[in-house]
Amino acid sequence: MPVFRMGKTNLGLSINDDSDVLNFLAPSGDSKYVDVRTALKNSDIYSLIYQLSADLADAHLVADSSRTQGILDHPSNTANVHAFWQSMFAQLLLCGEAFAYRWRNPNGTDTQWEYLRPSQVTPFLLEDGSGLIYNVSFDEPNVGVVQAIPQSDMIHIRLLSKNGGKTGMSPLASLADELAIRDASNRLTLTALGRSIMAPGVLSITKGGLLNGKMRAKRSREFMEQMNDSNSGPIVLDDLETYKPLEIQGNVAQLLNQANWTGAQIAKVYGVSDSVINGQGDQQSSIDMMNANYLQSLSRFARSITGELNDKLAGNIKMDLRPVVDPTGDAYVTNISNLQKNGTLAANQATWLLQQAGYLPEELPEKEKPQAQVQAVQVVPNSNDTEKGGEDDDEDSDQG
């Protein structure tokens, strides 16, 4: 009988997609893997990710529970609330999933959340399929690697999934061909541009056929020295020389204009208009229509975020996107004012809504009632009353 009983070393089933590893290690170089650092060197991707993540971080996460609201407003001890949420949402947009570990006290109350890179986390499916566990490699040496963390201790936000919502898929995977075309287009453009302006101009010398190659090269160097020493002044030539500057060829200029077509493809992947990255956009849409379309795009990501938070936390969490498209609150005030004018809201109800939105202070003094002004009215006697009064006087005098 053995002294020690060896336990199971495999605590869960792997749920990673092996095709990603095969594509990354493809010897032919036909890899569909897109590195995040390489992708962020693309100006269109960086601009789009920064704007989307910043706008999502500007939105308000509102919970009914005060305890939940506290951790949402102060999730990290090492970063401010906006920086923490923007890093979470940027990771979500780049990799399709974002992770955070919930540090909790013995009572189970969240004290802080620690942002985790996807490379630090390895999810597994329990053998009975009842849930997920995570192996996490923490950056802190005193914590190190922690295995079999239950899913209740992890915040795991996912976008599009290929395995029933267990993990998320990176949107960059659909941009592998576009980014490869963009890189090839950039190399072609730089090569064509360099060849088109390799020589700044042509210096023609009358009877130049009498000069050999060394003498022509020497005259070219002397001419360039003259241009540099003139401090952008006029070039002086004799009657035997003619200088003609070269221009960029038309086909190269056209190639430069066509090099930005991938921006629309990148915007399409994230479900927004290319006007977000200073593209053409829809020329027939008004500003209100563009804001509505952009708000609809943000709401798709918001539902993925609130879905995970409501699953792990209590408090009916919602994401208010109104500050994103209406940061000053003027549009909200206009809507409230219109509702009051058509009788849908009373004056006190409209004031309460504006106070709840933070547009008006809570200690707003009551509206002063207008004071009625009393004006002196001069009474003009009626002519009939005067004549009647005179007749009565005459009768009184006769009786007397």
Protein backbone atom coordinates (compact mmCIF):
# COMPACT_ATOMS: atom_id res chain seq x y z
CA MET A 1 0.00 0.00 0.00
CA PRO A 2 1.56 3.31 -0.99
CA VAL A 3 2.29 5.85 1.71
CA PHE A 4 1.21 8.86 -0.37
CA ARG A 5 -1.79 9.11 -2.63
CA MET A 6 -1.12 11.25 -5.69
CA GLY A 7 -3.93 13.70 -6.43
CA LYS A 8 -5.06 14.79 -9.83
CA THR A 9 -2.73 17.27 -11.48
CA ASN A 10 -5.22 18.29 -14.14
CA LEU A 11 -7.78 20.50 -12.42
CA GLY A 12 -9.66 21.46 -15.57
CA LEU A 13 -10.03 21.08 -19.29
CA SER A 14 -8.28 23.45 -21.66
CA ILE A 15 -10.61 25.74 -23.62
CA ASN A 16 -7.99 27.52 -25.72
CA ASP A 17 -8.29 27.37 -29.49
CA ASP A 18 -5.35 25.35 -30.84
CA SER A 19 -5.68 26.97 -34.26
CA ASP A 20 -4.31 30.22 -32.81
CA VAL A 21 -1.12 28.44 -31.71
CA LEU A 22 -0.79 26.69 -35.07
CA ASN A 23 -1.21 29.96 -36.95
CA PHE A 24 1.30 31.70 -34.71
CA LEU A 25 3.87 28.96 -35.30
CA ALA A 26 3.13 28.58 -39.01
CA PRO A 27 6.46 27.98 -40.77
CA SER A 28 5.12 29.35 -44.04
CA GLY A 29 4.63 32.78 -42.51
CA ASP A 30 0.89 32.79 -43.29
CA SER A 31 0.03 33.61 -39.69
CA LYS A 32 -3.36 35.10 -38.80
CA TYR A 33 -2.04 36.25 -35.42
CA VAL A 34 -2.00 40.04 -34.93
CA ASP A 35 0.19 41.31 -32.14
CA VAL A 36 -1.36 44.09 -30.06
CA ARG A 37 1.84 46.14 -29.98
CA THR A 38 2.15 45.89 -33.74
CA ALA A 39 -1.51 46.76 -34.22
CA LEU A 40 -1.25 49.87 -32.03
CA LYS A 41 1.50 51.19 -34.30
CA ASN A 42 -1.24 51.61 -36.89
CA SER A 43 -2.57 55.15 -36.44
CA ASP A 44 -6.15 54.20 -37.36
CA ILE A 45 -6.30 51.35 -34.84
CA TYR A 46 -4.72 53.45 -32.09
CA SER A 47 -7.09 56.36 -32.72
CA LEU A 48 -10.16 54.14 -32.76
CA ILE A 49 -9.21 52.10 -29.69
CA TYR A 50 -8.33 55.22 -27.73
CA GLN A 51 -11.59 56.98 -28.55
CA LEU A 52 -13.83 53.96 -27.92
CA SER A 53 -12.12 53.03 -24.64
CA ALA A 54 -12.11 56.65 -23.43
CA ASP A 55 -15.80 57.10 -24.25
CA LEU A 56 -16.71 53.86 -22.49
CA ALA A 57 -14.69 55.01 -19.47
CA ASP A 58 -16.53 58.35 -19.54
CA ALA A 59 -19.84 56.53 -19.20
CA HIS A 60 -21.26 56.12 -15.70
CA LEU A 61 -21.59 52.67 -14.16
CA VAL A 62 -24.61 52.96 -11.87
CA ALA A 63 -25.60 50.31 -9.32
CA ASP A 64 -28.51 50.11 -6.90
CA SER A 65 -26.26 48.78 -4.13
CA SER A 66 -24.04 51.34 -2.39
CA ARG A 67 -21.38 48.70 -1.74
CA THR A 68 -21.25 47.77 -5.42
CA GLN A 69 -21.23 51.43 -6.41
CA GLY A 70 -18.24 51.99 -4.16
CA ILE A 71 -16.05 49.37 -5.86
CA LEU A 72 -17.15 50.57 -9.31
CA ASP A 73 -16.15 54.14 -8.46
CA HIS A 74 -12.84 53.13 -6.80
CA PRO A 75 -11.75 49.79 -8.26
CA SER A 76 -7.97 50.11 -7.98
CA ASN A 77 -5.40 51.38 -5.47
CA THR A 78 -2.76 51.95 -8.15
CA ALA A 79 -4.74 53.92 -10.76
CA ASN A 80 -7.58 56.40 -10.87
CA VAL A 81 -11.02 55.22 -11.86
CA HIS A 82 -10.85 56.54 -15.44
CA ALA A 83 -7.41 55.05 -16.13
CA PHE A 84 -8.44 51.67 -14.73
CA TRP A 85 -11.63 51.36 -16.74
CA GLN A 86 -10.02 52.69 -19.92
CA SER A 87 -7.27 50.06 -19.67
CA MET A 88 -9.90 47.37 -19.12
CA PHE A 89 -12.00 48.49 -22.08
CA ALA A 90 -8.96 48.97 -24.34
CA GLN A 91 -7.87 45.39 -23.55
CA LEU A 92 -11.41 44.24 -24.27
CA LEU A 93 -11.45 45.93 -27.67
CA LEU A 94 -8.00 44.66 -28.63
CA CYS A 95 -8.12 41.07 -27.37
CA GLY A 96 -11.84 40.42 -27.14
CA GLU A 97 -11.68 39.83 -23.39
CA ALA A 98 -10.46 41.63 -20.26
CA PHE A 99 -9.56 40.28 -16.82
CA ALA A 100 -9.43 41.64 -13.27
CA TYR A 101 -8.89 39.80 -10.00
CA ARG A 102 -11.18 40.62 -7.10
CA TRP A 103 -9.25 41.09 -3.85
CA ARG A 104 -11.77 40.60 -1.04
CA ASN A 105 -11.69 40.68 2.74
CA PRO A 106 -12.75 37.71 4.95
CA ASN A 107 -16.33 38.97 4.81
CA GLY A 108 -16.37 38.66 1.01
CA THR A 109 -16.45 42.42 0.40
CA ASP A 110 -14.41 43.70 -2.55
CA THR A 111 -11.48 45.85 -1.40
CA GLN A 112 -9.77 46.38 -4.76
CA TRP A 113 -9.53 44.93 -8.25
CA GLU A 114 -6.24 44.11 -9.95
CA TYR A 115 -5.99 44.51 -13.71
CA LEU A 116 -4.58 41.42 -15.42
CA ARG A 117 -3.13 41.08 -18.88
CA PRO A 118 -4.48 38.20 -20.99
CA SER A 119 -1.00 36.66 -20.99
CA GLN A 120 -1.23 36.35 -17.19
CA VAL A 121 -4.48 34.36 -17.24
CA THR A 122 -5.21 30.83 -18.43
CA PRO A 123 -8.85 29.73 -18.13
CA PHE A 124 -9.92 26.09 -17.75
CA LEU A 125 -13.27 24.33 -17.79
CA LEU A 126 -14.08 22.16 -14.80
CA GLU A 127 -14.23 18.47 -15.61
CA ASP A 128 -17.90 18.31 -14.73
CA GLY A 129 -18.62 21.42 -16.81
CA SER A 130 -20.07 23.29 -13.84
CA GLY A 131 -17.90 26.39 -14.25
CA LEU A 132 -14.50 27.87 -15.00
CA ILE A 133 -11.28 28.13 -13.04
CA TYR A 134 -8.27 30.30 -13.77
CA ASN A 135 -4.54 30.00 -13.38
CA VAL A 136 -3.10 33.48 -12.85
CA SER A 137 0.51 34.61 -12.81
CA PHE A 138 0.63 37.74 -10.67
CA ASP A 139 3.35 40.35 -11.09
CA GLU A 140 3.91 40.54 -7.33
CA PRO A 141 6.69 38.13 -6.30
CA ASN A 142 5.05 37.40 -2.94
CA VAL A 143 1.91 36.21 -4.74
CA GLY A 144 3.41 34.45 -7.76
CA VAL A 145 1.33 31.87 -9.61
CA VAL A 146 -2.08 31.00 -8.21
CA GLN A 147 -3.93 28.01 -9.64
CA ALA A 148 -7.58 27.05 -9.71
CA ILE A 149 -9.04 30.47 -8.91
CA PRO A 150 -12.84 30.16 -8.96
CA GLN A 151 -14.71 32.23 -11.50
CA SER A 152 -16.49 34.15 -8.74
CA ASP A 153 -13.16 35.81 -7.88
CA MET A 154 -12.50 36.94 -11.45
CA ILE A 155 -13.97 39.68 -13.62
CA HIS A 156 -13.89 38.25 -17.14
CA ILE A 157 -15.54 40.46 -19.79
CA ARG A 158 -15.93 38.86 -23.24
CA LEU A 159 -16.93 40.03 -26.67
CA LEU A 160 -17.70 37.64 -29.54
CA SER A 161 -17.10 34.03 -28.50
CA LYS A 162 -16.63 30.82 -30.45
CA ASN A 163 -17.08 28.44 -27.51
CA GLY A 164 -20.37 29.41 -25.93
CA GLY A 165 -19.18 32.52 -24.11
CA LYS A 166 -16.32 30.94 -22.18
CA THR A 167 -13.68 33.12 -23.85
CA GLY A 168 -13.68 36.05 -26.25
CA MET A 169 -12.32 36.45 -29.76
CA SER A 170 -10.03 39.32 -30.69
CA PRO A 171 -11.43 41.67 -33.37
CA LEU A 172 -7.89 42.08 -34.66
CA ALA A 173 -8.04 38.52 -36.03
CA SER A 174 -10.36 39.73 -38.79
CA LEU A 175 -7.91 42.50 -39.70
CA ALA A 176 -4.91 40.27 -40.42
CA ASP A 177 -5.26 40.49 -44.22
CA GLU A 178 -6.08 44.22 -44.13
CA LEU A 179 -3.03 44.99 -42.02
CA ALA A 180 -0.83 42.86 -44.27
CA ILE A 181 -2.13 44.77 -47.30
CA ARG A 182 -1.56 48.03 -45.46
CA ASP A 183 2.06 47.11 -44.69
CA ALA A 184 2.68 46.07 -48.31
CA SER A 185 1.03 49.28 -49.53
CA ASN A 186 3.21 51.36 -47.22
CA ARG A 187 6.36 49.67 -48.47
CA LEU A 188 5.28 50.13 -52.09
CA THR A 189 4.42 53.77 -51.48
CA LEU A 190 7.72 54.51 -49.77
CA THR A 191 9.64 52.77 -52.56
CA ALA A 192 7.76 54.60 -55.31
CA LEU A 193 8.03 57.88 -53.45
CA GLY A 194 11.76 57.45 -52.90
CA ARG A 195 12.39 56.62 -56.55
CA SER A 196 10.25 59.50 -57.79
CA ILE A 197 12.09 62.18 -55.84
CA MET A 198 15.51 60.59 -55.65
CA ALA A 199 16.90 63.35 -57.85
CA PRO A 200 15.72 66.90 -56.99
CA GLY A 201 16.08 68.10 -60.58
CA VAL A 202 17.99 67.96 -63.86
CA LEU A 203 20.91 70.29 -64.60
CA SER A 204 21.41 70.53 -68.35
CA ILE A 205 24.70 71.83 -69.77
CA THR A 206 24.95 72.96 -73.37
CA LYS A 207 27.44 70.82 -75.23
CA GLY A 208 27.46 68.51 -72.20
CA GLY A 209 28.48 65.63 -74.41
CA LEU A 210 32.05 66.85 -74.15
CA LEU A 211 32.03 66.12 -70.39
CA ASN A 212 32.85 62.71 -69.02
CA GLY A 213 31.11 61.07 -66.05
CA LYS A 214 33.50 62.35 -63.41
CA MET A 215 33.19 65.94 -64.59
CA ARG A 216 29.36 65.72 -64.63
CA ALA A 217 29.32 64.29 -61.10
CA LYS A 218 31.70 67.02 -59.96
CA ARG A 219 29.47 69.71 -61.48
CA SER A 220 26.45 68.18 -59.78
CA ARG A 221 28.16 68.33 -56.37
CA GLU A 222 29.22 71.91 -56.99
CA PHE A 223 25.66 72.83 -57.93
CA MET A 224 24.27 71.23 -54.75
CA GLU A 225 26.83 73.07 -52.65
CA GLN A 226 25.74 76.29 -54.32
CA MET A 227 22.11 75.57 -53.47
CA ASN A 228 22.96 74.80 -49.83
CA ASP A 229 25.19 77.85 -49.42
CA SER A 230 22.63 80.23 -50.94
CA ASN A 231 20.30 79.95 -47.87
CA SER A 232 17.21 79.45 -50.03
CA GLY A 233 18.25 82.31 -52.29
CA PRO A 234 18.14 82.36 -56.09
CA ILE A 235 20.47 80.08 -58.05
CA VAL A 236 22.82 81.81 -60.45
CA LEU A 237 23.57 79.94 -63.70
CA ASP A 238 25.47 80.90 -66.79
CA ASP A 239 24.14 80.78 -70.35
CA LEU A 240 25.36 77.24 -70.87
CA GLU A 241 23.35 75.70 -68.00
CA THR A 242 19.65 75.09 -67.43
CA TYR A 243 18.09 73.65 -64.25
CA LYS A 244 14.65 71.99 -64.19
CA PRO A 245 13.23 70.71 -60.84
CA LEU A 246 11.39 67.40 -60.75
CA GLU A 247 7.88 66.90 -59.32
CA ILE A 248 6.23 63.90 -57.72
CA GLN A 249 4.69 61.74 -60.37
CA GLY A 250 0.92 61.69 -60.58
CA ASN A 251 0.64 57.95 -60.08
CA VAL A 252 2.64 58.17 -56.82
CA ALA A 253 0.36 60.94 -55.53
CA GLN A 254 -2.63 58.79 -56.40
CA LEU A 255 -1.05 55.87 -54.55
CA LEU A 256 -0.69 58.05 -51.45
CA ASN A 257 -4.39 58.89 -51.57
CA GLN A 258 -5.38 55.22 -51.88
CA ALA A 259 -3.20 54.12 -48.95
CA ASN A 260 -5.91 55.08 -46.40
CA TRP A 261 -8.60 52.65 -47.57
CA THR A 262 -7.94 50.27 -44.67
CA GLY A 263 -9.25 52.85 -42.20
CA ALA A 264 -12.81 52.12 -43.29
CA GLN A 265 -12.21 48.39 -42.86
CA ILE A 266 -10.90 48.90 -39.32
CA ALA A 267 -13.92 51.03 -38.40
CA LYS A 268 -16.25 48.42 -39.89
CA VAL A 269 -14.83 45.69 -37.67
CA TYR A 270 -15.67 47.69 -34.55
CA GLY A 271 -19.10 48.67 -35.85
CA VAL A 272 -18.55 52.42 -36.09
CA SER A 273 -18.43 54.90 -38.93
CA ASP A 274 -15.03 55.76 -40.35
CA SER A 275 -15.79 59.39 -39.52
CA VAL A 276 -14.64 58.48 -36.00
CA ILE A 277 -11.09 58.26 -37.37
CA ASN A 278 -11.53 61.31 -39.62
CA GLY A 279 -12.77 59.33 -42.59
CA GLN A 280 -15.43 60.17 -45.13
CA GLY A 281 -18.36 58.76 -43.18
CA ASP A 282 -21.93 59.17 -44.39
CA GLN A 283 -22.11 62.54 -46.07
CA GLN A 284 -25.92 62.55 -45.92
CA SER A 285 -26.23 61.99 -42.15
CA SER A 286 -26.80 64.85 -39.75
CA ILE A 287 -24.89 65.29 -36.50
CA ASP A 288 -27.79 63.87 -34.48
CA MET A 289 -27.95 60.79 -36.71
CA MET A 290 -24.21 60.25 -36.43
CA ASN A 291 -24.39 60.56 -32.62
CA ALA A 292 -27.27 58.08 -32.54
CA ASN A 293 -25.33 55.55 -34.64
CA TYR A 294 -22.23 55.97 -32.49
CA LEU A 295 -24.29 55.57 -29.31
CA GLN A 296 -25.77 52.37 -30.72
CA SER A 297 -22.27 51.05 -31.38
CA LEU A 298 -21.18 51.83 -27.81
CA SER A 299 -24.28 50.14 -26.42
CA ARG A 300 -23.15 46.83 -27.96
CA PHE A 301 -19.95 46.93 -25.93
CA ALA A 302 -21.82 48.25 -22.88
CA ARG A 303 -24.09 45.21 -22.79
CA SER A 304 -21.07 42.89 -22.74
CA ILE A 305 -19.64 44.88 -19.83
CA THR A 306 -22.77 45.11 -17.72
CA GLY A 307 -23.60 41.47 -18.41
CA GLU A 308 -20.41 40.32 -16.71
CA LEU A 309 -20.65 42.82 -13.84
CA ASN A 310 -24.24 41.88 -13.07
CA ASP A 311 -23.27 38.20 -13.09
CA LYS A 312 -20.52 38.72 -10.50
CA LEU A 313 -21.87 41.64 -8.46
CA ALA A 314 -25.16 42.65 -6.91
CA GLY A 315 -26.98 45.88 -7.54
CA ASN A 316 -28.56 45.86 -11.01
CA ILE A 317 -25.64 47.60 -12.74
CA LYS A 318 -26.33 49.81 -15.74
CA MET A 319 -24.06 51.91 -17.94
CA ASP A 320 -25.26 55.44 -18.60
CA LEU A 321 -23.91 56.50 -21.99
CA ARG A 322 -25.53 59.92 -22.00
CA PRO A 323 -22.36 61.76 -20.83
CA VAL A 324 -20.56 60.45 -23.92
CA VAL A 325 -22.75 62.10 -26.55
CA ASP A 326 -23.98 64.95 -24.33
CA PRO A 327 -21.08 65.88 -22.02
CA THR A 328 -22.46 69.32 -21.14
CA GLY A 329 -26.04 68.11 -20.62
CA ASP A 330 -27.55 70.76 -22.90
CA ALA A 331 -29.41 68.24 -25.05
CA TYR A 332 -30.87 66.59 -21.94
CA VAL A 333 -32.06 69.96 -20.63
CA THR A 334 -33.69 70.69 -23.99
CA ASN A 335 -35.60 67.40 -23.90
CA ILE A 336 -36.78 68.02 -20.34
CA SER A 337 -37.86 71.52 -21.27
CA ASN A 338 -39.88 70.23 -24.22
CA LEU A 339 -41.57 67.62 -22.03
CA GLN A 340 -42.53 70.34 -19.59
CA LYS A 341 -43.89 72.60 -22.32
CA ASN A 342 -46.18 69.92 -23.76
CA GLY A 343 -47.52 69.09 -20.31
CA THR A 344 -45.88 65.68 -19.87
CA LEU A 345 -43.85 66.89 -16.87
CA ALA A 346 -44.67 69.42 -14.21
CA ALA A 347 -42.24 72.14 -13.21
CA ASN A 348 -41.22 70.43 -9.98
CA GLN A 349 -40.70 67.12 -11.80
CA ALA A 350 -38.46 68.76 -14.40
CA THR A 351 -36.43 70.42 -11.65
CA TRP A 352 -36.04 67.10 -9.82
CA LEU A 353 -34.78 65.35 -12.97
CA LEU A 354 -32.22 68.08 -13.63
CA GLN A 355 -31.04 67.85 -10.03
CA GLN A 356 -30.65 64.08 -10.28
CA ALA A 357 -28.61 64.54 -13.47
CA GLY A 358 -26.33 67.01 -11.68
CA TYR A 359 -27.28 69.87 -13.96
CA LEU A 360 -28.87 71.81 -11.09
CA PRO A 361 -27.62 71.87 -7.47
CA GLU A 362 -29.51 69.93 -4.81
CA GLU A 363 -29.86 72.98 -2.56
CA LEU A 364 -31.61 75.04 -5.18
CA PRO A 365 -33.61 77.89 -3.61
CA GLU A 366 -37.29 78.02 -4.31
CA LYS A 367 -38.54 80.22 -7.08
CA GLU A 368 -39.64 83.63 -5.86
CA LYS A 369 -43.30 84.43 -6.33
CA PRO A 370 -43.95 87.68 -8.18
CA GLN A 371 -45.40 90.34 -5.89
CA ALA A 372 -48.65 92.01 -7.00
CA GLN A 373 -48.24 95.74 -7.50
CA VAL A 374 -51.14 97.85 -6.14
CA GLN A 375 -51.85 100.92 -8.20
CA ALA A 376 -54.09 103.82 -7.13
CA VAL A 377 -57.27 104.02 -9.20
CA GLN A 378 -59.01 107.34 -9.53
CA VAL A 379 -62.81 106.99 -9.39
CA VAL A 380 -64.61 109.31 -11.83
CA PRO A 381 -68.18 110.08 -10.74
CA ASN A 382 -70.93 109.22 -13.19
CA SER A 383 -72.89 112.15 -14.65
CA ASN A 384 -76.21 110.45 -13.92
CA ASP A 385 -75.20 110.00 -10.29
CA THR A 386 -74.36 113.72 -10.12
CA GLU A 387 -77.71 114.81 -11.50
CA LYS A 388 -79.53 112.38 -9.21
CA GLY A 389 -77.63 113.69 -6.27
CA GLY A 390 -78.57 117.27 -7.20
CA GLU A 391 -82.25 116.39 -7.43
CA ASP A 392 -82.15 114.81 -4.01
CA ASP A 393 -80.57 117.94 -2.60
CA ASP A 394 -83.31 120.09 -4.07
CA GLU A 395 -85.99 117.84 -2.56
CA ASP A 396 -84.34 117.98 0.81
CA SER A 397 -84.18 121.76 0.65
CA ASP A 398 -87.91 122.02 -0.23
CA GLN A 399 -88.86 119.77 2.64
CA GLY A 400 -86.82 121.88 4.93
